[in-house]
Protein backbone atom coordinates (compact mmCIF):
# COMPACT_ATOMS: atom_id res chain seq x y z
CA MET A 1 9.68 88.93 -131.83
CA ASN A 2 13.14 87.66 -130.99
CA TYR A 3 15.13 90.27 -129.08
CA PRO A 4 18.60 89.71 -127.63
CA ASP A 5 18.55 89.70 -123.84
CA PRO A 6 19.68 92.14 -122.65
CA LEU A 7 18.84 94.46 -125.52
CA SER A 8 21.14 97.44 -126.14
CA VAL A 9 19.11 100.50 -127.10
CA GLN A 10 20.70 102.32 -130.03
CA PRO A 11 20.48 106.11 -129.51
CA PHE A 12 19.02 108.37 -132.20
CA GLN A 13 21.59 110.65 -133.81
CA ALA A 14 19.05 112.83 -135.59
CA PRO A 15 15.70 114.41 -134.73
CA ILE A 16 12.75 112.14 -135.36
CA ARG A 17 11.31 111.90 -138.86
CA GLY A 18 8.72 109.29 -139.65
CA ARG A 19 5.29 107.77 -139.36
CA ILE A 20 4.07 105.01 -137.10
CA ARG A 21 0.85 103.07 -136.56
CA LEU A 22 0.24 101.91 -133.02
CA PRO A 23 -1.23 98.54 -132.09
CA GLY A 24 -4.83 98.33 -130.92
CA SER A 25 -5.77 99.20 -127.38
CA LYS A 26 -5.44 96.27 -124.98
CA SER A 27 -8.18 97.68 -122.76
CA LEU A 28 -10.62 98.03 -125.64
CA THR A 29 -9.66 94.75 -127.31
CA ASN A 30 -10.30 92.75 -124.14
CA ARG A 31 -13.54 94.57 -123.35
CA ALA A 32 -14.76 94.07 -126.90
CA LEU A 33 -13.85 90.36 -126.79
CA VAL A 34 -15.97 89.80 -123.67
CA LEU A 35 -18.88 91.87 -124.99
CA ALA A 36 -18.72 90.11 -128.36
CA ALA A 37 -18.96 86.77 -126.54
CA LEU A 38 -22.01 88.13 -124.69
CA GLY A 39 -23.60 89.48 -127.88
CA ASP A 40 -26.34 87.93 -129.97
CA ALA A 41 -24.55 87.71 -133.31
CA PRO A 42 -21.11 87.13 -134.82
CA VAL A 43 -18.81 90.14 -134.94
CA THR A 44 -15.32 90.78 -136.30
CA LEU A 45 -13.04 93.09 -134.35
CA THR A 46 -10.67 95.01 -136.61
CA GLY A 47 -7.45 96.71 -135.53
CA ALA A 48 -7.35 94.34 -132.57
CA LEU A 49 -4.25 94.02 -130.43
CA PHE A 50 -2.34 90.77 -130.72
CA SER A 51 -0.30 90.36 -127.57
CA ARG A 52 0.06 87.88 -124.75
CA ASP A 53 -2.85 89.39 -122.79
CA THR A 54 -5.34 89.33 -125.65
CA GLN A 55 -4.22 85.89 -126.79
CA ILE A 56 -4.79 84.61 -123.24
CA LEU A 57 -8.37 85.88 -123.36
CA CYS A 58 -8.98 84.44 -126.84
CA ALA A 59 -7.64 81.06 -125.70
CA ALA A 60 -9.88 81.12 -122.63
CA LEU A 61 -12.98 81.91 -124.69
CA ASP A 62 -12.07 79.08 -127.05
CA ALA A 63 -11.69 76.71 -124.09
CA LEU A 64 -15.17 77.76 -122.93
CA GLY A 65 -16.65 76.72 -126.26
CA PHE A 66 -16.98 80.05 -128.05
CA VAL A 67 -16.11 80.16 -131.74
CA VAL A 68 -13.07 82.45 -131.97
CA ARG A 69 -10.98 82.91 -135.12
CA ALA A 70 -8.00 85.24 -134.89
CA ASN A 71 -5.90 86.54 -137.79
CA SER A 72 -2.82 88.32 -136.49
CA ASP A 73 -1.67 89.39 -139.97
CA ALA A 74 -4.97 91.20 -140.59
CA ALA A 75 -5.34 92.25 -136.91
CA THR A 76 -8.86 90.80 -136.83
CA ILE A 77 -10.70 88.56 -134.37
CA TYR A 78 -14.00 86.91 -135.30
CA ILE A 79 -16.21 85.71 -132.43
CA GLU A 80 -19.69 84.23 -132.32
CA GLY A 81 -21.67 85.61 -129.39
CA GLN A 82 -23.97 83.38 -127.36
CA GLY A 83 -26.34 85.97 -125.92
CA GLY A 84 -25.09 85.69 -122.36
CA ALA A 85 -24.67 81.90 -122.33
CA ILE A 86 -21.39 80.12 -121.51
CA PRO A 87 -21.19 77.04 -123.79
CA ARG A 88 -19.13 74.74 -121.55
CA PRO A 89 -19.94 74.14 -117.88
CA LYS A 90 -16.40 73.10 -116.95
CA ALA A 91 -12.92 74.28 -117.92
CA ARG A 92 -9.41 74.89 -116.64
CA LEU A 93 -8.24 78.38 -117.55
CA HIS A 94 -4.84 80.07 -117.25
CA VAL A 95 -4.75 83.88 -117.21
CA GLY A 96 -1.00 84.44 -117.13
CA ASN A 97 -0.43 87.81 -115.47
CA ALA A 98 -3.25 89.52 -117.36
CA GLY A 99 -5.37 91.53 -114.93
CA THR A 100 -8.11 92.31 -117.43
CA ALA A 101 -8.44 88.66 -118.49
CA ALA A 102 -8.43 87.54 -114.85
CA ARG A 103 -11.21 89.85 -113.72
CA PHE A 104 -13.31 89.87 -116.89
CA LEU A 105 -13.27 86.06 -117.24
CA THR A 106 -14.14 85.52 -113.59
CA ALA A 107 -17.23 87.71 -113.92
CA LEU A 108 -18.16 86.16 -117.27
CA LEU A 109 -18.01 82.62 -115.85
CA SER A 110 -20.44 83.57 -113.08
CA LEU A 111 -23.25 83.65 -115.66
CA HIS A 112 -23.31 79.87 -116.06
CA PRO A 113 -26.15 78.37 -113.98
CA GLU A 114 -24.19 75.19 -113.11
CA GLY A 115 -20.54 75.87 -113.86
CA GLU A 116 -17.31 74.70 -112.27
CA TYR A 117 -14.06 76.34 -113.41
CA PHE A 118 -10.49 76.19 -112.17
CA LEU A 119 -8.56 79.41 -112.75
CA ASP A 120 -4.80 79.68 -112.45
CA GLY A 121 -2.13 82.16 -113.55
CA ASP A 122 1.53 83.07 -113.43
CA PRO A 123 3.11 83.30 -109.96
CA GLU A 124 2.96 87.11 -110.31
CA MET A 125 -0.82 86.84 -110.63
CA TYR A 126 -1.02 85.21 -107.20
CA HIS A 127 -0.25 88.58 -105.62
CA ARG A 128 -2.72 90.66 -107.60
CA PRO A 129 -6.00 91.55 -105.85
CA MET A 130 -9.16 89.62 -106.66
CA ALA A 131 -10.96 89.60 -103.30
CA GLY A 132 -13.37 92.47 -104.03
CA LEU A 133 -14.74 90.82 -107.15
CA LEU A 134 -14.84 87.30 -105.69
CA ASP A 135 -16.62 88.49 -102.54
CA ALA A 136 -19.22 90.24 -104.69
CA LEU A 137 -19.77 87.09 -106.75
CA VAL A 138 -20.16 84.98 -103.60
CA GLY A 139 -22.87 87.44 -102.57
CA GLN A 140 -24.54 86.67 -105.90
CA GLY A 141 -24.56 82.93 -105.25
CA ALA A 142 -21.17 81.74 -106.49
CA GLU A 143 -18.85 79.50 -104.46
CA VAL A 144 -15.06 79.90 -104.34
CA GLU A 145 -12.52 77.31 -103.22
CA TYR A 146 -9.02 78.78 -102.91
CA ALA A 147 -5.98 76.67 -103.74
CA GLY A 148 -3.69 79.22 -102.13
CA ILE A 149 -4.24 82.51 -100.32
CA ALA A 150 -7.86 83.60 -99.88
CA GLY A 151 -8.81 86.41 -102.24
CA HIS A 152 -6.15 85.48 -104.80
CA PHE A 153 -5.38 83.09 -107.63
CA PRO A 154 -5.54 80.12 -108.04
CA PHE A 155 -9.11 79.08 -107.19
CA THR A 156 -12.10 76.99 -108.26
CA LEU A 157 -15.26 78.93 -109.06
CA LYS A 158 -18.64 77.20 -108.86
CA THR A 159 -21.32 79.31 -110.49
CA HIS A 160 -25.11 79.55 -110.27
CA GLY A 161 -25.85 82.59 -112.43
CA LEU A 162 -26.17 86.15 -111.15
CA ALA A 163 -29.08 87.02 -108.87
CA GLY A 164 -28.87 90.80 -109.38
CA GLY A 165 -30.15 93.28 -106.81
CA ARG A 166 -27.82 95.32 -104.59
CA VAL A 167 -24.16 94.38 -104.87
CA ALA A 168 -21.50 95.91 -102.63
CA LEU A 169 -18.15 95.85 -104.43
CA ASP A 170 -14.77 96.86 -103.07
CA ALA A 171 -12.98 97.88 -106.28
CA ARG A 172 -10.44 100.24 -104.76
CA ALA A 173 -7.57 97.92 -105.70
CA SER A 174 -8.63 97.73 -109.37
CA SER A 175 -11.38 99.39 -111.36
CA GLN A 176 -11.32 96.30 -113.61
CA MET A 177 -13.50 94.57 -111.01
CA LEU A 178 -16.26 97.13 -111.48
CA SER A 179 -15.93 97.03 -115.27
CA ALA A 180 -16.16 93.24 -115.14
CA LEU A 181 -19.46 93.30 -113.26
CA ILE A 182 -20.90 96.09 -115.41
CA MET A 183 -20.38 94.01 -118.55
CA VAL A 184 -22.15 90.90 -117.22
CA ALA A 185 -24.84 92.67 -115.15
CA PRO A 186 -27.39 92.86 -118.05
CA PHE A 187 -27.67 89.05 -117.83
CA ALA A 188 -28.53 88.88 -114.11
CA ARG A 189 -31.97 87.64 -113.10
CA GLU A 190 -32.87 91.05 -111.65
CA PRO A 191 -31.59 94.59 -112.29
CA MET A 192 -28.24 95.03 -110.56
CA SER A 193 -27.36 98.02 -108.39
CA LEU A 194 -23.57 98.25 -108.00
CA LEU A 195 -22.42 100.06 -104.87
CA THR A 196 -18.74 100.93 -104.69
CA GLU A 197 -16.34 103.56 -103.35
CA GLY A 198 -12.95 104.87 -104.32
CA THR A 199 -13.03 103.57 -107.88
CA ARG A 200 -10.78 105.31 -110.41
CA PRO A 201 -13.11 106.63 -113.09
CA ALA A 202 -11.14 106.59 -116.37
CA PHE A 203 -11.40 102.90 -117.29
CA VAL A 204 -14.90 102.57 -115.84
CA GLU A 205 -15.99 105.45 -118.08
CA MET A 206 -14.46 103.57 -121.01
CA THR A 207 -16.60 100.54 -120.15
CA LEU A 208 -19.74 102.63 -119.75
CA GLN A 209 -19.26 104.43 -123.06
CA LEU A 210 -18.58 101.16 -124.85
CA MET A 211 -21.70 99.59 -123.33
CA GLU A 212 -23.72 102.61 -124.47
CA ARG A 213 -22.50 102.11 -128.04
CA LEU A 214 -23.63 98.49 -127.82
CA GLY A 215 -27.15 99.24 -126.67
CA VAL A 216 -26.87 99.03 -122.87
CA HIS A 217 -27.52 102.20 -120.90
CA VAL A 218 -26.19 102.20 -117.35
CA ASP A 219 -27.88 104.61 -114.94
CA CYS A 220 -25.10 106.78 -113.47
CA SER A 221 -27.36 109.48 -112.07
CA ARG A 222 -25.85 108.96 -108.60
CA GLY A 223 -22.28 108.85 -109.88
CA LEU A 224 -19.93 105.91 -110.08
CA SER A 225 -20.55 105.01 -106.43
CA GLU A 226 -23.99 103.64 -107.35
CA LEU A 227 -24.68 102.27 -110.81
CA LEU A 228 -27.93 100.64 -111.93
CA VAL A 229 -27.71 98.08 -114.74
CA ARG A 230 -30.99 96.67 -116.03
CA GLN A 231 -31.36 93.47 -118.01
CA GLY A 232 -30.67 93.86 -121.69
CA ARG A 233 -28.88 92.61 -124.78
CA ILE A 234 -25.45 93.38 -126.19
CA VAL A 235 -26.00 94.51 -129.79
CA PHE A 236 -23.05 95.55 -131.94
CA PRO A 237 -24.06 98.24 -134.47
CA SER A 238 -22.65 96.14 -137.34
CA ALA A 239 -20.78 92.91 -137.96
CA ILE A 240 -17.51 94.88 -137.98
CA PHE A 241 -16.23 96.72 -134.91
CA ALA A 242 -13.04 98.80 -135.03
CA ILE A 243 -10.65 98.92 -132.06
CA GLU A 244 -8.91 102.23 -131.36
CA PRO A 245 -5.09 102.42 -131.37
CA ASP A 246 -3.55 102.17 -127.92
CA LEU A 247 -3.19 105.65 -126.41
CA THR A 248 -1.08 104.27 -123.57
CA ALA A 249 1.40 103.10 -126.22
CA SER A 250 1.27 106.56 -127.77
CA SER A 251 2.86 107.92 -124.59
CA TYR A 252 6.20 106.34 -125.53
CA PHE A 253 6.35 107.99 -128.93
CA LEU A 254 5.04 111.32 -127.68
CA GLY A 255 7.76 111.11 -125.03
CA LEU A 256 10.31 110.30 -127.71
CA VAL A 257 9.51 113.51 -129.61
CA ALA A 258 9.57 115.46 -126.34
CA LEU A 259 13.03 114.03 -125.68
CA LEU A 260 14.63 114.23 -129.12
CA GLY A 261 12.68 116.81 -131.13
CA GLY A 262 11.70 116.41 -134.76
CA ARG A 263 8.36 115.45 -136.29
CA LEU A 264 6.35 112.26 -136.03
CA VAL A 265 3.00 111.24 -137.51
CA LEU A 266 0.86 108.81 -135.51
CA GLU A 267 -1.53 107.23 -137.99
CA GLY A 268 -5.17 106.29 -137.48
CA MET A 269 -5.65 108.08 -134.16
CA PRO A 270 -9.19 108.59 -132.81
CA GLU A 271 -10.76 112.04 -132.74
CA ASP A 272 -13.20 111.10 -129.96
CA SER A 273 -11.40 108.51 -127.89
CA LEU A 274 -12.82 106.19 -125.25
CA GLN A 275 -9.39 106.01 -123.57
CA GLY A 276 -8.55 108.11 -120.55
CA ASP A 277 -4.83 107.93 -121.28
CA ILE A 278 -5.32 110.68 -123.85
CA ALA A 279 -4.65 112.87 -120.81
CA PHE A 280 -0.92 112.16 -121.22
CA ALA A 281 -0.97 113.91 -124.59
CA GLU A 282 -2.62 116.90 -122.90
CA LEU A 283 0.06 116.90 -120.20
CA LEU A 284 2.84 117.11 -122.79
CA LYS A 285 0.97 119.72 -124.80
CA LYS A 286 0.88 121.96 -121.72
CA ALA A 287 4.65 121.46 -121.43
CA GLY A 288 5.13 122.68 -125.01
CA LEU A 289 4.83 119.60 -127.24
CA GLU A 290 2.84 120.32 -130.39
CA ILE A 291 0.14 117.78 -131.23
CA ARG A 292 -2.19 118.54 -134.11
CA GLN A 293 -5.01 116.31 -135.34
CA ASP A 294 -5.49 116.25 -139.11
CA GLY A 295 -8.13 113.76 -140.16
CA SER A 296 -7.25 110.48 -138.51
CA ASP A 297 -3.58 111.35 -137.88
CA TRP A 298 -1.70 113.11 -135.11
CA PHE A 299 1.16 115.35 -136.19
CA VAL A 300 3.61 115.64 -133.32
CA SER A 301 6.55 118.04 -133.16
CA ARG A 302 8.77 119.91 -130.74
CA GLN A 303 10.03 123.37 -131.56
CA GLN A 304 11.86 124.07 -128.31
CA PRO A 305 13.17 122.04 -125.35
CA LEU A 306 10.52 120.94 -122.86
CA SER A 307 10.67 121.17 -119.09
CA LEU A 308 8.70 118.62 -117.07
CA ASP A 309 9.41 120.07 -113.64
CA GLY A 310 6.45 120.09 -111.31
CA ARG A 311 3.81 118.02 -109.58
CA PHE A 312 1.55 115.73 -111.58
CA ASP A 313 -1.56 113.94 -110.36
CA MET A 314 -1.79 110.90 -112.65
CA GLU A 315 -4.45 108.87 -110.85
CA THR A 316 -6.75 108.77 -113.88
CA PHE A 317 -4.02 107.90 -116.41
CA SER A 318 -1.53 106.05 -114.24
CA ASP A 319 -0.37 103.55 -116.88
CA THR A 320 1.62 106.43 -118.37
CA PHE A 321 3.33 107.56 -115.17
CA LEU A 322 6.28 105.30 -115.95
CA THR A 323 6.83 107.11 -119.25
CA LEU A 324 6.88 110.46 -117.48
CA ALA A 325 9.18 109.23 -114.73
CA ALA A 326 11.65 107.78 -117.25
CA LEU A 327 11.81 111.14 -119.05
CA ALA A 328 12.61 112.98 -115.82
CA PRO A 329 16.41 112.56 -115.81
CA ALA A 330 16.66 114.36 -119.16
CA LEU A 331 13.73 116.80 -119.01
CA ALA A 332 13.31 117.84 -115.38
CA GLU A 333 15.21 118.97 -112.33
CA SER A 334 12.54 117.81 -109.93
CA MET A 335 9.27 115.98 -110.46
CA GLU A 336 6.60 114.61 -108.15
CA ILE A 337 4.02 112.12 -109.41
CA GLU A 338 0.96 111.55 -107.23
CA GLY A 339 -2.20 109.43 -107.23
CA ILE A 340 -0.47 106.20 -108.24
CA GLY A 341 -0.81 104.02 -105.13
CA HIS A 342 -2.86 101.38 -106.98
CA THR A 343 0.07 100.75 -109.36
CA ARG A 344 1.83 98.87 -106.57
CA PHE A 345 -0.55 95.98 -107.32
CA GLN A 346 -0.21 95.72 -111.08
CA GLU A 347 2.23 93.62 -113.15
CA THR A 348 4.77 94.52 -110.49
CA ASP A 349 5.02 97.14 -107.76
CA ARG A 350 5.52 99.87 -110.32
CA ILE A 351 6.38 102.62 -107.84
CA GLU A 352 9.13 100.49 -106.33
CA ALA A 353 10.34 99.37 -109.77
CA MET A 354 10.74 102.95 -110.97
CA ARG A 355 12.39 103.99 -107.71
CA CYS A 356 14.97 101.22 -108.01
CA GLU A 357 15.79 101.75 -111.68
CA LEU A 358 15.97 105.56 -111.49
CA LYS A 359 18.32 105.19 -108.51
CA ARG A 360 20.37 102.79 -110.63
CA LEU A 361 20.71 105.72 -113.04
CA GLY A 362 22.05 107.96 -110.29
CA GLN A 363 18.84 109.89 -109.58
CA ARG A 364 17.60 110.80 -106.12
CA VAL A 365 14.21 109.18 -105.70
CA THR A 366 11.77 109.06 -102.80
CA ALA A 367 8.80 106.72 -102.89
CA GLU A 368 5.74 107.06 -100.70
CA ALA A 369 2.65 104.86 -100.59
CA ALA A 370 1.03 106.62 -103.54
CA SER A 371 3.68 108.93 -104.96
CA LEU A 372 7.17 109.19 -106.41
CA ARG A 373 9.48 112.18 -106.07
CA ILE A 374 12.48 112.48 -108.39
CA GLU A 375 15.41 114.87 -107.95
CA THR A 376 17.47 114.52 -111.09
CA ASP A 377 21.22 114.60 -111.60
CA LEU A 378 22.16 114.72 -115.29
CA GLU A 379 25.90 114.65 -114.65
CA GLU A 380 25.62 111.53 -112.53
CA LEU A 381 23.49 109.94 -115.25
CA LYS A 382 26.23 110.68 -117.78
CA SER A 383 28.87 109.25 -115.47
CA ILE A 384 26.91 106.01 -115.16
CA ALA A 385 26.19 105.97 -118.90
CA ARG A 386 29.93 106.00 -119.69
CA LYS A 387 30.21 102.62 -117.98
CA GLY A 388 26.94 101.31 -119.42
CA VAL A 389 23.94 100.25 -117.37
CA ALA A 390 21.30 97.51 -117.56
CA ILE A 391 17.71 98.16 -116.50
CA ASP A 392 15.73 95.43 -114.75
CA THR A 393 12.15 95.24 -116.01
CA TYR A 394 10.44 92.99 -113.41
CA LYS A 395 8.51 91.24 -116.23
CA ASP A 396 6.68 94.55 -116.70
CA HIS A 397 6.24 95.77 -120.26
CA ARG A 398 5.78 99.40 -119.23
CA VAL A 399 9.09 99.49 -117.35
CA ALA A 400 10.85 98.12 -120.44
CA MET A 401 9.25 100.50 -122.93
CA SER A 402 9.61 103.60 -120.75
CA PHE A 403 13.36 103.14 -120.28
CA GLY A 404 13.66 102.18 -123.93
CA ILE A 405 12.64 105.75 -124.72
CA LEU A 406 15.22 107.24 -122.34
CA GLY A 407 17.91 105.03 -123.86
CA SER A 408 17.12 106.50 -127.29
CA LEU A 409 18.75 109.76 -126.18
CA ASP A 410 22.34 110.18 -127.44
CA LEU A 411 23.33 111.14 -123.94
CA LEU A 412 27.11 111.12 -124.46
CA GLY A 413 27.06 112.46 -128.02
CA ASP A 414 28.99 109.51 -129.43
CA GLY A 415 26.08 107.53 -130.91
CA LEU A 416 26.95 104.48 -128.84
CA PRO A 417 24.43 102.49 -126.79
CA TRP A 418 24.65 103.21 -123.07
CA LEU A 419 21.48 101.57 -121.75
CA ARG A 420 20.46 97.92 -121.92
CA ILE A 421 17.01 96.46 -121.27
CA ASN A 422 16.81 93.13 -119.46
CA ASP A 423 14.02 90.81 -120.64
CA PRO A 424 12.82 93.01 -123.54
CA ALA A 425 10.41 90.24 -124.58
CA CYS A 426 8.15 91.24 -121.67
CA CYS A 427 6.78 93.85 -124.10
CA GLY A 428 4.84 90.98 -125.64
CA LYS A 429 2.14 91.67 -123.05
CA THR A 430 0.80 94.66 -125.04
CA PHE A 431 3.28 95.72 -127.75
CA PRO A 432 5.36 92.82 -129.09
CA GLU A 433 6.96 94.87 -131.87
CA PHE A 434 7.85 97.89 -129.73
CA PHE A 435 11.63 97.71 -129.99
CA ASN A 436 11.47 96.76 -133.67
CA GLN A 437 9.31 99.80 -134.38
CA LEU A 438 11.62 102.00 -132.32
CA GLU A 439 14.65 100.81 -134.33
CA SER A 440 12.84 101.30 -137.65
CA LEU A 441 11.97 104.84 -136.64
CA ARG A 442 15.61 105.52 -135.73
CA GLN A 443 16.87 104.22 -139.06
CA ASN A 444 14.27 106.28 -140.95
CA SER A 445 15.17 109.42 -138.99
CA GLU A 446 18.88 109.04 -139.74
CA ALA A 447 18.47 108.06 -143.40
């Protein structure tokens, strides 16, 4: 993946025609990696995502003494589980800016009865919330020594196993903290009762369903605010475990069809998905996009122009709000996106990033603590496009990919690029080949 920086997005001059296979889900790949390490037997993950985030987690597991063999060409990762044991008592780990790796690894390390681990990350990671999880682990017997700001990276974690019992967890800033504890809770000395409030359910439900498939039932009879996890084993149903394609990544190509029309086949899509971001497909279907499942493929088409005016609560599928917001200048007159306050603490402050870049495109944008309101101005967008414009991405892959879709519109009708993406390589976090696949789809559509 060697993109020019900035990268000029070449507009499509024909409706979409083609097929595409999405990379594996980052959320599922990283969960499966941790659960495979906790399992009793070797397992090979197929269809796994190979990106910076997943490679960070693989490297960390390798540094901890797990046998991990990754084959990017075959999209497979082989890992030998240790039944809840952490092979090495000491390690220095670097999590980059990967939230899932940061939270999942921290919880995993807590299982060692006499461990000492130094965890560091990119400077951007220093601002991402960890306090809720670390406070919960201290309550379980761990010790934390901060090298910077309390509740944040970097820090040294001294571990003494998990006691179990009642655990109060503040996971309002990130549901990944709750998922992290759920995955390691079966290896606590006593059953663990997780008490939490304000947790977003979609990704926690993913974790719970995945655990169920691997032989661990979590008692949710009192809802997600009180979960009971008893001791147990992680047992994969076979030595091969398939990772679903990334439904967050599907939002870009669904949005592309909504924007340009035509027909697109998304190959190998799940019929019964664990991923909450399937809700974005439902949102576009309500707006008039046609999505039909035939076997393992989605057939996507647009027969008439879509309108995305309205108010959208995207709390449960917030990773896709950037896609929707980037489509607004071309497909809406006014749009309000709510329930996204937690996205201020992700790879970047995503609400502020979208506000700044949409304003750069001449749109009227108002940002509140947990919402974004967009009043569009297509003529102003065209005026700016005639001069050309570069989008800042804030090292955030979703900013880059979302505006990459908008730039695919032949806004001025001359087939010339009008939008450039700064730091397109940031897509390496979850979708390294995104812009290559976008260009291949354009060439196929125009052939």
